[in-house]
Amino acid sequence: MIVQLVATSAEKAAAAAEAEEEPMGFQPSDIPHHETDPAVGAFLRHAFRPERIEDLHERRLSTRKQDLPFSRHLREAFAYLLRERPCDVVDWSRLTGSAFTDEAHLYDCLQGLHDYFFGDRPAPPVPPDPDGPRPDWVDLLWNP
């Protein structure tokens, strides 16, 4: 019985060491406040949906009017995303359902959204067209 427990512990230790060697990849919880402020997570999930673009104007006005926790949290989330560029288009699609063709377009749109909310950009960026051609990888992601 003791030998079996030792072997199990050794196996667990080896598995843990192996897991530490392999990078875990992008996790939504890596984004500041994504898990702790539900409004930030919801904003990122829905910001590029065409049916929500009109809502962005109102959200922008309320975000700029007051020094709300949401405003600070969203600014920190954007700062992290734009500085670290932690996710690729597949990660972003898993998080939001928005299918960007490449990372350049994804991060251009994120920068544009940041500039719309916190800078002087007059209009939000144009999100991917949900009725347009889908990137090849979308079928692989959503239809295994």
N, C-alpha and C. Protein backbone atom coordinates (compact mmCIF):
# COMPACT_ATOMS: atom_id res chain seq x y z
N MET A 1 0.82 -1.19 0.00
CA MET A 1 0.00 0.00 0.00
C MET A 1 0.87 1.26 0.00
N ILE A 2 1.91 1.29 0.80
CA ILE A 2 2.79 2.46 0.88
C ILE A 2 3.51 2.65 -0.46
N VAL A 3 3.96 1.56 -1.06
CA VAL A 3 4.65 1.65 -2.35
C VAL A 3 3.74 2.26 -3.39
N GLN A 4 2.48 1.86 -3.37
CA GLN A 4 1.53 2.39 -4.35
C GLN A 4 1.33 3.90 -4.14
N LEU A 5 1.25 4.36 -2.90
CA LEU A 5 1.09 5.79 -2.63
C LEU A 5 2.32 6.57 -3.07
N VAL A 6 3.49 6.00 -2.82
CA VAL A 6 4.72 6.67 -3.23
C VAL A 6 4.78 6.76 -4.75
N ALA A 7 4.43 5.69 -5.43
CA ALA A 7 4.44 5.71 -6.89
C ALA A 7 3.44 6.74 -7.41
N THR A 8 2.27 6.80 -6.80
CA THR A 8 1.27 7.76 -7.22
C THR A 8 1.76 9.18 -7.00
N SER A 9 2.40 9.42 -5.87
CA SER A 9 2.95 10.75 -5.59
C SER A 9 4.05 11.09 -6.58
N ALA A 10 4.90 10.13 -6.90
CA ALA A 10 5.98 10.35 -7.86
C ALA A 10 5.40 10.65 -9.24
N GLU A 11 4.37 9.93 -9.60
CA GLU A 11 3.71 10.18 -10.89
C GLU A 11 3.12 11.59 -10.93
N LYS A 12 2.49 11.96 -9.82
CA LYS A 12 1.91 13.31 -9.76
C LYS A 12 2.99 14.37 -9.86
N ALA A 13 4.11 14.17 -9.19
CA ALA A 13 5.20 15.13 -9.23
C ALA A 13 5.77 15.24 -10.64
N ALA A 14 5.93 14.08 -11.31
CA ALA A 14 6.45 14.09 -12.68
C ALA A 14 5.48 14.81 -13.62
N ALA A 15 4.21 14.56 -13.44
CA ALA A 15 3.20 15.22 -14.28
C ALA A 15 3.20 16.72 -14.02
N ALA A 16 3.34 17.12 -12.77
CA ALA A 16 3.36 18.55 -12.44
C ALA A 16 4.59 19.22 -13.03
N ALA A 17 5.74 18.55 -12.96
CA ALA A 17 6.96 19.11 -13.53
C ALA A 17 6.84 19.23 -15.04
N GLU A 18 6.26 18.21 -15.67
CA GLU A 18 6.06 18.26 -17.12
C GLU A 18 5.12 19.40 -17.50
N ALA A 19 4.07 19.59 -16.73
CA ALA A 19 3.11 20.66 -17.01
C ALA A 19 3.76 22.03 -16.87
N GLU A 20 4.69 22.18 -15.92
CA GLU A 20 5.37 23.46 -15.73
C GLU A 20 6.28 23.79 -16.91
N GLU A 21 6.82 22.76 -17.57
CA GLU A 21 7.72 23.00 -18.69
C GLU A 21 6.97 23.49 -19.93
N GLU A 22 5.75 23.03 -20.11
CA GLU A 22 4.98 23.41 -21.28
C GLU A 22 4.23 24.71 -21.01
N PRO A 23 4.29 25.66 -21.93
CA PRO A 23 3.54 26.89 -21.72
C PRO A 23 2.04 26.60 -21.76
N MET A 24 1.32 27.29 -20.90
CA MET A 24 -0.11 27.06 -20.81
C MET A 24 -0.86 27.79 -21.91
N GLY A 25 -0.26 28.79 -22.53
CA GLY A 25 -0.96 29.53 -23.56
C GLY A 25 -1.86 30.59 -22.94
N PHE A 26 -2.60 31.24 -23.80
CA PHE A 26 -3.47 32.32 -23.38
C PHE A 26 -4.64 31.80 -22.55
N GLN A 27 -4.91 32.50 -21.47
CA GLN A 27 -6.08 32.24 -20.64
C GLN A 27 -6.83 33.56 -20.48
N PRO A 28 -8.16 33.59 -20.63
CA PRO A 28 -8.89 34.85 -20.43
C PRO A 28 -8.60 35.50 -19.09
N SER A 29 -8.33 34.69 -18.09
CA SER A 29 -8.03 35.25 -16.76
C SER A 29 -6.72 36.03 -16.74
N ASP A 30 -5.90 35.91 -17.80
CA ASP A 30 -4.68 36.70 -17.90
C ASP A 30 -5.00 38.18 -18.11
N ILE A 31 -6.15 38.48 -18.69
CA ILE A 31 -6.53 39.87 -18.96
C ILE A 31 -6.94 40.50 -17.63
N PRO A 32 -6.31 41.61 -17.25
CA PRO A 32 -6.69 42.24 -15.98
C PRO A 32 -8.19 42.51 -15.91
N HIS A 33 -8.78 42.12 -14.81
CA HIS A 33 -10.18 42.37 -14.46
C HIS A 33 -11.18 41.57 -15.29
N HIS A 34 -10.70 40.71 -16.19
CA HIS A 34 -11.64 39.92 -16.99
C HIS A 34 -12.50 39.02 -16.10
N GLU A 35 -11.89 38.46 -15.10
CA GLU A 35 -12.61 37.55 -14.19
C GLU A 35 -13.22 38.28 -13.01
N THR A 36 -12.61 39.37 -12.57
CA THR A 36 -13.05 40.03 -11.34
C THR A 36 -14.08 41.13 -11.55
N ASP A 37 -14.15 41.66 -12.76
CA ASP A 37 -15.15 42.69 -13.08
C ASP A 37 -15.99 42.16 -14.25
N PRO A 38 -17.18 41.63 -13.95
CA PRO A 38 -17.99 41.04 -15.02
C PRO A 38 -18.27 41.99 -16.18
N ALA A 39 -18.29 43.29 -15.92
CA ALA A 39 -18.55 44.25 -17.00
C ALA A 39 -17.40 44.28 -18.01
N VAL A 40 -16.17 44.09 -17.56
CA VAL A 40 -15.03 44.07 -18.47
C VAL A 40 -15.10 42.83 -19.35
N GLY A 41 -15.35 41.68 -18.75
CA GLY A 41 -15.47 40.45 -19.54
C GLY A 41 -16.60 40.54 -20.55
N ALA A 42 -17.73 41.07 -20.14
CA ALA A 42 -18.88 41.21 -21.05
C ALA A 42 -18.55 42.20 -22.16
N PHE A 43 -17.89 43.30 -21.82
CA PHE A 43 -17.53 44.29 -22.84
C PHE A 43 -16.65 43.65 -23.91
N LEU A 44 -15.61 42.95 -23.50
CA LEU A 44 -14.70 42.34 -24.47
C LEU A 44 -15.40 41.28 -25.31
N ARG A 45 -16.30 40.52 -24.70
CA ARG A 45 -17.02 39.48 -25.45
C ARG A 45 -17.95 40.07 -26.51
N HIS A 46 -18.51 41.25 -26.25
CA HIS A 46 -19.55 41.78 -27.12
C HIS A 46 -19.15 43.01 -27.93
N ALA A 47 -18.00 43.60 -27.69
CA ALA A 47 -17.65 44.88 -28.30
C ALA A 47 -17.63 44.85 -29.83
N PHE A 48 -17.23 43.74 -30.43
CA PHE A 48 -17.10 43.69 -31.89
C PHE A 48 -18.30 43.04 -32.57
N ARG A 49 -19.35 42.82 -31.83
CA ARG A 49 -20.55 42.26 -32.46
C ARG A 49 -21.30 43.39 -33.15
N PRO A 50 -21.64 43.20 -34.41
CA PRO A 50 -22.28 44.28 -35.18
C PRO A 50 -23.54 44.84 -34.52
N GLU A 51 -24.30 44.00 -33.87
CA GLU A 51 -25.54 44.48 -33.23
C GLU A 51 -25.25 45.33 -32.00
N ARG A 52 -24.01 45.34 -31.54
CA ARG A 52 -23.65 46.12 -30.35
C ARG A 52 -22.89 47.40 -30.66
N ILE A 53 -22.54 47.62 -31.92
CA ILE A 53 -21.75 48.80 -32.27
C ILE A 53 -22.46 50.08 -31.85
N GLU A 54 -23.77 50.13 -32.03
CA GLU A 54 -24.52 51.33 -31.66
C GLU A 54 -24.47 51.57 -30.15
N ASP A 55 -24.40 50.51 -29.38
CA ASP A 55 -24.33 50.63 -27.92
C ASP A 55 -23.01 51.23 -27.45
N LEU A 56 -21.98 51.10 -28.28
CA LEU A 56 -20.66 51.60 -27.88
C LEU A 56 -20.65 53.09 -27.63
N HIS A 57 -21.43 53.84 -28.40
CA HIS A 57 -21.45 55.30 -28.22
C HIS A 57 -21.93 55.66 -26.81
N GLU A 58 -23.03 55.05 -26.38
CA GLU A 58 -23.55 55.33 -25.03
C GLU A 58 -22.56 54.87 -23.96
N ARG A 59 -21.98 53.70 -24.17
CA ARG A 59 -21.02 53.17 -23.20
C ARG A 59 -19.80 54.09 -23.11
N ARG A 60 -19.38 54.61 -24.26
CA ARG A 60 -18.25 55.53 -24.30
C ARG A 60 -18.55 56.79 -23.50
N LEU A 61 -19.72 57.35 -23.71
CA LEU A 61 -20.08 58.58 -22.99
C LEU A 61 -20.09 58.36 -21.48
N SER A 62 -20.69 57.27 -21.04
CA SER A 62 -20.74 57.03 -19.59
C SER A 62 -19.36 56.71 -19.04
N THR A 63 -18.52 56.05 -19.82
CA THR A 63 -17.16 55.72 -19.37
C THR A 63 -16.32 56.98 -19.22
N ARG A 64 -16.51 57.92 -20.12
CA ARG A 64 -15.71 59.16 -20.08
C ARG A 64 -16.20 60.15 -19.05
N LYS A 65 -17.49 60.10 -18.70
CA LYS A 65 -18.07 61.09 -17.77
C LYS A 65 -17.53 60.98 -16.35
N GLN A 66 -17.34 59.76 -15.91
CA GLN A 66 -17.01 59.56 -14.51
C GLN A 66 -15.77 58.70 -14.38
N ASP A 67 -15.13 58.81 -13.24
CA ASP A 67 -14.01 57.94 -12.94
C ASP A 67 -14.56 56.70 -12.24
N LEU A 68 -15.15 55.83 -13.03
CA LEU A 68 -15.76 54.62 -12.50
C LEU A 68 -14.74 53.48 -12.44
N PRO A 69 -14.94 52.53 -11.55
CA PRO A 69 -14.05 51.36 -11.55
C PRO A 69 -14.02 50.68 -12.93
N PHE A 70 -15.19 50.58 -13.59
CA PHE A 70 -15.22 49.96 -14.91
C PHE A 70 -14.28 50.67 -15.88
N SER A 71 -14.27 51.97 -15.86
CA SER A 71 -13.41 52.74 -16.76
C SER A 71 -11.94 52.43 -16.50
N ARG A 72 -11.54 52.43 -15.25
CA ARG A 72 -10.15 52.10 -14.91
C ARG A 72 -9.82 50.66 -15.29
N HIS A 73 -10.74 49.76 -14.99
CA HIS A 73 -10.51 48.34 -15.30
C HIS A 73 -10.40 48.10 -16.80
N LEU A 74 -11.27 48.74 -17.57
CA LEU A 74 -11.24 48.58 -19.02
C LEU A 74 -9.94 49.15 -19.59
N ARG A 75 -9.53 50.28 -19.10
CA ARG A 75 -8.27 50.89 -19.56
C ARG A 75 -7.09 49.94 -19.27
N GLU A 76 -7.08 49.32 -18.09
CA GLU A 76 -6.01 48.39 -17.73
C GLU A 76 -6.06 47.13 -18.59
N ALA A 77 -7.26 46.65 -18.89
CA ALA A 77 -7.40 45.48 -19.76
C ALA A 77 -6.87 45.79 -21.16
N PHE A 78 -7.25 46.95 -21.71
CA PHE A 78 -6.74 47.35 -23.02
C PHE A 78 -5.22 47.50 -22.99
N ALA A 79 -4.70 48.14 -21.96
CA ALA A 79 -3.25 48.34 -21.87
C ALA A 79 -2.52 47.00 -21.93
N TYR A 80 -3.03 46.02 -21.20
CA TYR A 80 -2.41 44.69 -21.21
C TYR A 80 -2.51 44.06 -22.60
N LEU A 81 -3.71 44.06 -23.18
CA LEU A 81 -3.90 43.43 -24.49
C LEU A 81 -3.01 44.06 -25.56
N LEU A 82 -2.92 45.37 -25.55
CA LEU A 82 -2.14 46.05 -26.58
C LEU A 82 -0.64 45.96 -26.35
N ARG A 83 -0.23 45.90 -25.10
CA ARG A 83 1.20 45.80 -24.77
C ARG A 83 1.71 44.38 -24.99
N GLU A 84 0.98 43.41 -24.47
CA GLU A 84 1.44 42.02 -24.48
C GLU A 84 1.04 41.23 -25.72
N ARG A 85 -0.08 41.63 -26.36
CA ARG A 85 -0.62 40.90 -27.52
C ARG A 85 -0.65 39.39 -27.22
N PRO A 86 -1.35 39.01 -26.14
CA PRO A 86 -1.26 37.65 -25.63
C PRO A 86 -2.03 36.60 -26.42
N CYS A 87 -2.99 37.00 -27.22
CA CYS A 87 -3.82 35.98 -27.86
C CYS A 87 -3.77 36.12 -29.38
N ASP A 88 -3.98 34.99 -30.02
CA ASP A 88 -4.06 34.99 -31.47
C ASP A 88 -5.54 35.01 -31.88
N VAL A 89 -5.81 34.93 -33.16
CA VAL A 89 -7.19 35.04 -33.63
C VAL A 89 -8.06 33.89 -33.15
N VAL A 90 -7.46 32.72 -32.96
CA VAL A 90 -8.23 31.57 -32.46
C VAL A 90 -8.60 31.79 -31.00
N ASP A 91 -7.64 32.24 -30.19
CA ASP A 91 -7.93 32.55 -28.79
C ASP A 91 -9.03 33.60 -28.69
N TRP A 92 -8.93 34.65 -29.51
CA TRP A 92 -9.92 35.73 -29.46
C TRP A 92 -11.30 35.22 -29.87
N SER A 93 -11.33 34.37 -30.87
CA SER A 93 -12.61 33.82 -31.31
C SER A 93 -13.23 32.94 -30.23
N ARG A 94 -12.42 32.18 -29.55
CA ARG A 94 -12.94 31.36 -28.44
C ARG A 94 -13.51 32.24 -27.34
N LEU A 95 -12.86 33.37 -27.11
CA LEU A 95 -13.28 34.28 -26.05
C LEU A 95 -14.53 35.05 -26.44
N THR A 96 -14.60 35.50 -27.70
CA THR A 96 -15.65 36.45 -28.08
C THR A 96 -16.60 35.99 -29.17
N GLY A 97 -16.20 34.99 -29.95
CA GLY A 97 -17.01 34.58 -31.10
C GLY A 97 -16.74 35.42 -32.33
N SER A 98 -15.86 36.42 -32.24
CA SER A 98 -15.50 37.27 -33.39
C SER A 98 -14.33 36.64 -34.12
N ALA A 99 -14.48 36.45 -35.43
CA ALA A 99 -13.45 35.77 -36.22
C ALA A 99 -12.67 36.77 -37.06
N PHE A 100 -11.52 37.17 -36.57
CA PHE A 100 -10.62 38.05 -37.32
C PHE A 100 -9.76 37.20 -38.24
N THR A 101 -9.40 37.76 -39.39
CA THR A 101 -8.61 37.00 -40.36
C THR A 101 -7.15 36.85 -39.92
N ASP A 102 -6.63 37.86 -39.21
CA ASP A 102 -5.25 37.78 -38.75
C ASP A 102 -5.06 38.66 -37.52
N GLU A 103 -3.92 38.47 -36.87
CA GLU A 103 -3.65 39.22 -35.65
C GLU A 103 -3.51 40.72 -35.90
N ALA A 104 -2.98 41.10 -37.06
CA ALA A 104 -2.83 42.53 -37.35
C ALA A 104 -4.19 43.21 -37.32
N HIS A 105 -5.19 42.61 -37.93
CA HIS A 105 -6.54 43.20 -37.92
C HIS A 105 -7.13 43.19 -36.51
N LEU A 106 -6.94 42.11 -35.78
CA LEU A 106 -7.44 42.01 -34.40
C LEU A 106 -6.87 43.15 -33.56
N TYR A 107 -5.55 43.31 -33.57
CA TYR A 107 -4.94 44.31 -32.70
C TYR A 107 -5.15 45.73 -33.22
N ASP A 108 -5.32 45.90 -34.54
CA ASP A 108 -5.71 47.21 -35.06
C ASP A 108 -7.08 47.60 -34.53
N CYS A 109 -8.00 46.64 -34.51
CA CYS A 109 -9.35 46.92 -34.00
C CYS A 109 -9.33 47.18 -32.50
N LEU A 110 -8.53 46.43 -31.77
CA LEU A 110 -8.43 46.68 -30.33
C LEU A 110 -7.83 48.06 -30.06
N GLN A 111 -6.81 48.42 -30.82
CA GLN A 111 -6.22 49.76 -30.67
C GLN A 111 -7.25 50.83 -31.02
N GLY A 112 -8.00 50.59 -32.09
CA GLY A 112 -9.04 51.54 -32.49
C GLY A 112 -10.12 51.69 -31.44
N LEU A 113 -10.51 50.58 -30.83
CA LEU A 113 -11.53 50.64 -29.79
C LEU A 113 -11.00 51.37 -28.56
N HIS A 114 -9.75 51.10 -28.21
CA HIS A 114 -9.12 51.82 -27.11
C HIS A 114 -9.11 53.32 -27.40
N ASP A 115 -8.70 53.68 -28.61
CA ASP A 115 -8.61 55.10 -28.98
C ASP A 115 -9.99 55.75 -29.04
N TYR A 116 -11.00 54.97 -29.39
CA TYR A 116 -12.36 55.50 -29.41
C TYR A 116 -12.84 55.79 -27.99
N PHE A 117 -12.54 54.89 -27.07
CA PHE A 117 -12.99 55.06 -25.70
C PHE A 117 -12.15 56.04 -24.91
N PHE A 118 -10.84 56.01 -25.10
CA PHE A 118 -9.96 56.78 -24.23
C PHE A 118 -9.14 57.85 -24.96
N GLY A 119 -9.27 57.90 -26.26
CA GLY A 119 -8.52 58.88 -27.04
C GLY A 119 -9.45 59.80 -27.81
N ASP A 120 -9.01 60.17 -28.99
CA ASP A 120 -9.79 61.10 -29.78
C ASP A 120 -10.33 60.51 -31.08
N ARG A 121 -10.36 59.21 -31.18
CA ARG A 121 -10.93 58.58 -32.37
C ARG A 121 -12.42 58.89 -32.41
N PRO A 122 -12.94 59.37 -33.56
CA PRO A 122 -14.34 59.79 -33.63
C PRO A 122 -15.36 58.66 -33.75
N ALA A 123 -14.93 57.49 -34.21
CA ALA A 123 -15.87 56.38 -34.40
C ALA A 123 -15.17 55.07 -34.04
N PRO A 124 -15.95 54.07 -33.65
CA PRO A 124 -15.33 52.78 -33.34
C PRO A 124 -14.81 52.12 -34.61
N PRO A 125 -13.87 51.19 -34.47
CA PRO A 125 -13.37 50.48 -35.65
C PRO A 125 -14.44 49.57 -36.25
N VAL A 126 -14.25 49.20 -37.47
CA VAL A 126 -15.19 48.29 -38.15
C VAL A 126 -14.83 46.87 -37.76
N PRO A 127 -15.77 46.15 -37.15
CA PRO A 127 -15.50 44.77 -36.74
C PRO A 127 -15.54 43.84 -37.95
N PRO A 128 -15.11 42.60 -37.78
CA PRO A 128 -15.22 41.64 -38.88
C PRO A 128 -16.69 41.47 -39.27
N ASP A 129 -16.93 41.34 -40.56
CA ASP A 129 -18.29 41.16 -41.06
C ASP A 129 -18.72 39.71 -40.81
N PRO A 130 -19.74 39.50 -39.97
CA PRO A 130 -20.15 38.13 -39.67
C PRO A 130 -20.74 37.43 -40.90
N ASP A 131 -21.17 38.20 -41.90
CA ASP A 131 -21.72 37.60 -43.12
C ASP A 131 -20.69 37.51 -44.23
N GLY A 132 -19.49 38.02 -43.97
CA GLY A 132 -18.43 37.97 -44.97
C GLY A 132 -17.75 36.61 -44.98
N PRO A 133 -16.78 36.46 -45.86
CA PRO A 133 -16.05 35.18 -45.90
C PRO A 133 -15.38 34.90 -44.56
N ARG A 134 -15.50 33.69 -44.11
CA ARG A 134 -14.90 33.32 -42.83
C ARG A 134 -13.49 32.81 -43.05
N PRO A 135 -12.59 33.10 -42.12
CA PRO A 135 -11.24 32.53 -42.24
C PRO A 135 -11.30 31.01 -42.23
N ASP A 136 -10.35 30.37 -42.91
CA ASP A 136 -10.34 28.91 -43.02
C ASP A 136 -10.32 28.22 -41.66
N TRP A 137 -9.63 28.82 -40.71
CA TRP A 137 -9.48 28.17 -39.41
C TRP A 137 -10.78 28.10 -38.63
N VAL A 138 -11.79 28.90 -38.96
CA VAL A 138 -13.04 28.92 -38.21
C VAL A 138 -13.73 27.57 -38.25
N ASP A 139 -13.76 26.94 -39.42
CA ASP A 139 -14.40 25.63 -39.53
C ASP A 139 -13.68 24.60 -38.69
N LEU A 140 -12.36 24.68 -38.65
CA LEU A 140 -11.58 23.74 -37.83
C LEU A 140 -11.85 23.94 -36.35
N LEU A 141 -12.03 25.20 -35.95
CA LEU A 141 -12.25 25.51 -34.52
C LEU A 141 -13.64 25.08 -34.06
N TRP A 142 -14.65 25.43 -34.83
CA TRP A 142 -16.02 25.23 -34.38
C TRP A 142 -16.66 23.95 -34.89
N ASN A 143 -16.05 23.25 -35.85
CA ASN A 143 -16.59 22.00 -36.37
C ASN A 143 -15.49 20.93 -36.37
N PRO A 144 -15.12 20.44 -35.19
CA PRO A 144 -13.97 19.47 -35.14
C PRO A 144 -14.27 18.18 -35.85
